[in-house]
Amino acid sequence: MVSPADRREVRLRLSSRGRAFLADLRARRQKELRAVLDLMPAAKRTALLEGLEAFCDAAAAQIHDDAQDQGSQTA
């Protein structure tokens, strides 16, 4: 379906079979990630969590800075 707001955009919708496939894929991926995390010592899981939180904080700050830079360029 072509977007009513922008003809360059095309909207896709998944069939029920496609939605079921993605749900299964997500469930299998989550199961595999859980298995890997369960093999890690608790201290290493904590370190991983802290590292991922720091990464997210840095990424959010970068996105915020980029948005401010773009806003100041259009003003």
N, C-alpha and C. Protein backbone atom coordinates (compact mmCIF):
# COMPACT_ATOMS: atom_id res chain seq x y z
N MET A 1 0.85 -1.17 0.00
CA MET A 1 0.00 0.00 0.00
C MET A 1 0.90 1.24 0.00
N VAL A 2 0.61 2.15 -0.86
CA VAL A 2 1.36 3.41 -0.94
C VAL A 2 0.89 4.32 0.20
N SER A 3 1.84 4.96 0.84
CA SER A 3 1.52 5.87 1.93
C SER A 3 0.75 7.07 1.41
N PRO A 4 -0.33 7.45 2.10
CA PRO A 4 -1.06 8.63 1.66
C PRO A 4 -0.27 9.93 1.89
N ALA A 5 0.69 9.90 2.80
CA ALA A 5 1.47 11.09 3.10
C ALA A 5 2.66 11.27 2.16
N ASP A 6 3.19 10.17 1.63
CA ASP A 6 4.40 10.25 0.82
C ASP A 6 4.41 9.07 -0.15
N ARG A 7 4.31 9.36 -1.45
CA ARG A 7 4.24 8.29 -2.45
C ARG A 7 5.52 7.46 -2.51
N ARG A 8 6.61 7.99 -1.96
CA ARG A 8 7.86 7.23 -1.97
C ARG A 8 7.85 6.12 -0.93
N GLU A 9 6.94 6.18 0.01
CA GLU A 9 6.83 5.17 1.05
C GLU A 9 5.85 4.09 0.63
N VAL A 10 6.21 2.87 0.95
CA VAL A 10 5.32 1.74 0.71
C VAL A 10 5.12 1.03 2.03
N ARG A 11 3.88 0.80 2.38
CA ARG A 11 3.58 0.11 3.63
C ARG A 11 3.32 -1.36 3.34
N LEU A 12 3.98 -2.19 4.12
CA LEU A 12 3.82 -3.63 3.97
C LEU A 12 3.09 -4.17 5.19
N ARG A 13 2.29 -5.17 4.98
CA ARG A 13 1.60 -5.83 6.09
C ARG A 13 1.90 -7.31 6.01
N LEU A 14 2.19 -7.87 7.17
CA LEU A 14 2.46 -9.30 7.22
C LEU A 14 1.17 -10.09 7.19
N SER A 15 1.23 -11.22 6.54
CA SER A 15 0.11 -12.15 6.58
C SER A 15 0.10 -12.82 7.95
N SER A 16 -0.94 -13.52 8.26
CA SER A 16 -0.98 -14.24 9.53
C SER A 16 0.14 -15.29 9.57
N ARG A 17 0.45 -15.87 8.43
CA ARG A 17 1.55 -16.83 8.36
C ARG A 17 2.89 -16.13 8.63
N GLY A 18 3.06 -14.93 8.09
CA GLY A 18 4.28 -14.16 8.34
C GLY A 18 4.41 -13.76 9.80
N ARG A 19 3.30 -13.35 10.40
CA ARG A 19 3.32 -12.99 11.83
C ARG A 19 3.66 -14.20 12.69
N ALA A 20 3.11 -15.35 12.33
CA ALA A 20 3.41 -16.59 13.08
C ALA A 20 4.89 -16.95 12.94
N PHE A 21 5.43 -16.79 11.73
CA PHE A 21 6.85 -17.08 11.50
C PHE A 21 7.72 -16.18 12.37
N LEU A 22 7.42 -14.88 12.39
CA LEU A 22 8.22 -13.95 13.20
C LEU A 22 8.08 -14.24 14.68
N ALA A 23 6.90 -14.60 15.13
CA ALA A 23 6.70 -14.93 16.54
C ALA A 23 7.54 -16.15 16.91
N ASP A 24 7.56 -17.15 16.04
CA ASP A 24 8.37 -18.34 16.28
C ASP A 24 9.85 -18.00 16.28
N LEU A 25 10.27 -17.19 15.32
CA LEU A 25 11.67 -16.78 15.24
C LEU A 25 12.09 -16.04 16.51
N ARG A 26 11.25 -15.12 16.98
CA ARG A 26 11.57 -14.38 18.21
C ARG A 26 11.66 -15.32 19.41
N ALA A 27 10.75 -16.26 19.50
CA ALA A 27 10.75 -17.20 20.63
C ALA A 27 12.02 -18.06 20.61
N ARG A 28 12.40 -18.54 19.42
CA ARG A 28 13.62 -19.36 19.33
C ARG A 28 14.85 -18.54 19.64
N ARG A 29 14.89 -17.29 19.17
CA ARG A 29 16.04 -16.42 19.45
C ARG A 29 16.14 -16.14 20.95
N GLN A 30 15.01 -15.87 21.58
CA GLN A 30 15.01 -15.61 23.02
C GLN A 30 15.47 -16.84 23.80
N LYS A 31 15.03 -18.02 23.38
CA LYS A 31 15.44 -19.26 24.04
C LYS A 31 16.95 -19.46 23.92
N GLU A 32 17.49 -19.22 22.74
CA GLU A 32 18.94 -19.39 22.52
C GLU A 32 19.75 -18.37 23.33
N LEU A 33 19.27 -17.12 23.36
CA LEU A 33 19.98 -16.10 24.16
C LEU A 33 19.96 -16.46 25.64
N ARG A 34 18.81 -16.93 26.11
CA ARG A 34 18.70 -17.33 27.51
C ARG A 34 19.68 -18.46 27.81
N ALA A 35 19.80 -19.42 26.90
CA ALA A 35 20.72 -20.53 27.11
C ALA A 35 22.16 -20.04 27.23
N VAL A 36 22.54 -19.10 26.38
CA VAL A 36 23.90 -18.55 26.44
C VAL A 36 24.10 -17.79 27.75
N LEU A 37 23.13 -16.96 28.11
CA LEU A 37 23.26 -16.19 29.35
C LEU A 37 23.33 -17.10 30.57
N ASP A 38 22.59 -18.19 30.53
CA ASP A 38 22.62 -19.14 31.65
C ASP A 38 23.98 -19.80 31.81
N LEU A 39 24.77 -19.86 30.75
CA LEU A 39 26.11 -20.43 30.83
C LEU A 39 27.12 -19.46 31.44
N MET A 40 26.77 -18.18 31.46
CA MET A 40 27.69 -17.16 31.98
C MET A 40 27.60 -17.09 33.50
N PRO A 41 28.74 -16.90 34.17
CA PRO A 41 28.69 -16.66 35.61
C PRO A 41 27.92 -15.37 35.91
N ALA A 42 27.29 -15.32 37.07
CA ALA A 42 26.46 -14.18 37.45
C ALA A 42 27.23 -12.86 37.36
N ALA A 43 28.48 -12.86 37.79
CA ALA A 43 29.28 -11.62 37.77
C ALA A 43 29.49 -11.13 36.34
N LYS A 44 29.67 -12.06 35.42
CA LYS A 44 29.87 -11.68 34.03
C LYS A 44 28.56 -11.17 33.41
N ARG A 45 27.43 -11.76 33.81
CA ARG A 45 26.14 -11.25 33.33
C ARG A 45 25.91 -9.83 33.83
N THR A 46 26.30 -9.58 35.08
CA THR A 46 26.17 -8.24 35.65
C THR A 46 27.07 -7.26 34.88
N ALA A 47 28.28 -7.67 34.57
CA ALA A 47 29.20 -6.81 33.82
C ALA A 47 28.64 -6.55 32.42
N LEU A 48 28.06 -7.56 31.80
CA LEU A 48 27.45 -7.38 30.48
C LEU A 48 26.31 -6.37 30.56
N LEU A 49 25.47 -6.51 31.56
CA LEU A 49 24.36 -5.58 31.74
C LEU A 49 24.87 -4.15 31.92
N GLU A 50 25.87 -3.97 32.75
CA GLU A 50 26.43 -2.64 32.98
C GLU A 50 27.02 -2.07 31.68
N GLY A 51 27.70 -2.91 30.93
CA GLY A 51 28.27 -2.46 29.66
C GLY A 51 27.19 -2.07 28.66
N LEU A 52 26.12 -2.86 28.57
CA LEU A 52 25.03 -2.54 27.66
C LEU A 52 24.30 -1.27 28.08
N GLU A 53 24.14 -1.08 29.38
CA GLU A 53 23.50 0.16 29.86
C GLU A 53 24.36 1.37 29.51
N ALA A 54 25.67 1.24 29.68
CA ALA A 54 26.58 2.35 29.34
C ALA A 54 26.52 2.63 27.84
N PHE A 55 26.46 1.58 27.03
CA PHE A 55 26.35 1.74 25.58
C PHE A 55 25.07 2.48 25.22
N CYS A 56 23.95 2.07 25.82
CA CYS A 56 22.66 2.72 25.55
C CYS A 56 22.68 4.19 25.96
N ASP A 57 23.28 4.47 27.11
CA ASP A 57 23.38 5.86 27.57
C ASP A 57 24.20 6.70 26.59
N ALA A 58 25.32 6.14 26.13
CA ALA A 58 26.17 6.88 25.19
C ALA A 58 25.45 7.07 23.85
N ALA A 59 24.75 6.05 23.39
CA ALA A 59 24.01 6.16 22.13
C ALA A 59 22.90 7.20 22.25
N ALA A 60 22.19 7.20 23.37
CA ALA A 60 21.12 8.17 23.58
C ALA A 60 21.68 9.59 23.60
N ALA A 61 22.83 9.77 24.25
CA ALA A 61 23.46 11.09 24.29
C ALA A 61 23.86 11.53 22.89
N GLN A 62 24.39 10.60 22.10
CA GLN A 62 24.80 10.92 20.73
C GLN A 62 23.58 11.30 19.89
N ILE A 63 22.51 10.55 20.01
CA ILE A 63 21.29 10.86 19.27
C ILE A 63 20.75 12.23 19.68
N HIS A 64 20.78 12.50 20.97
CA HIS A 64 20.31 13.79 21.48
C HIS A 64 21.17 14.92 20.92
N ASP A 65 22.49 14.73 20.94
CA ASP A 65 23.40 15.76 20.42
C ASP A 65 23.19 15.98 18.92
N ASP A 66 23.01 14.87 18.18
CA ASP A 66 22.77 14.99 16.74
C ASP A 66 21.47 15.73 16.46
N ALA A 67 20.44 15.45 17.24
CA ALA A 67 19.15 16.13 17.06
C ALA A 67 19.29 17.62 17.34
N GLN A 68 20.05 17.96 18.38
CA GLN A 68 20.26 19.38 18.71
C GLN A 68 21.05 20.07 17.60
N ASP A 69 22.06 19.37 17.08
CA ASP A 69 22.86 19.95 15.99
C ASP A 69 22.00 20.19 14.75
N GLN A 70 21.13 19.26 14.42
CA GLN A 70 20.26 19.43 13.27
C GLN A 70 19.26 20.54 13.50
N GLY A 71 18.78 20.66 14.72
CA GLY A 71 17.84 21.73 15.05
C GLY A 71 18.46 23.11 14.95
N SER A 72 19.74 23.21 15.34
CA SER A 72 20.40 24.51 15.29
C SER A 72 20.76 24.88 13.85
N GLN A 73 20.91 23.88 12.98
CA GLN A 73 21.23 24.16 11.58
C GLN A 73 20.00 24.67 10.81
N THR A 74 18.81 24.25 11.24
CA THR A 74 17.60 24.68 10.54
C THR A 74 17.05 25.98 11.09
N ALA A 75 17.55 26.39 12.24
CA ALA A 75 17.03 27.62 12.86
C ALA A 75 17.63 28.86 12.25
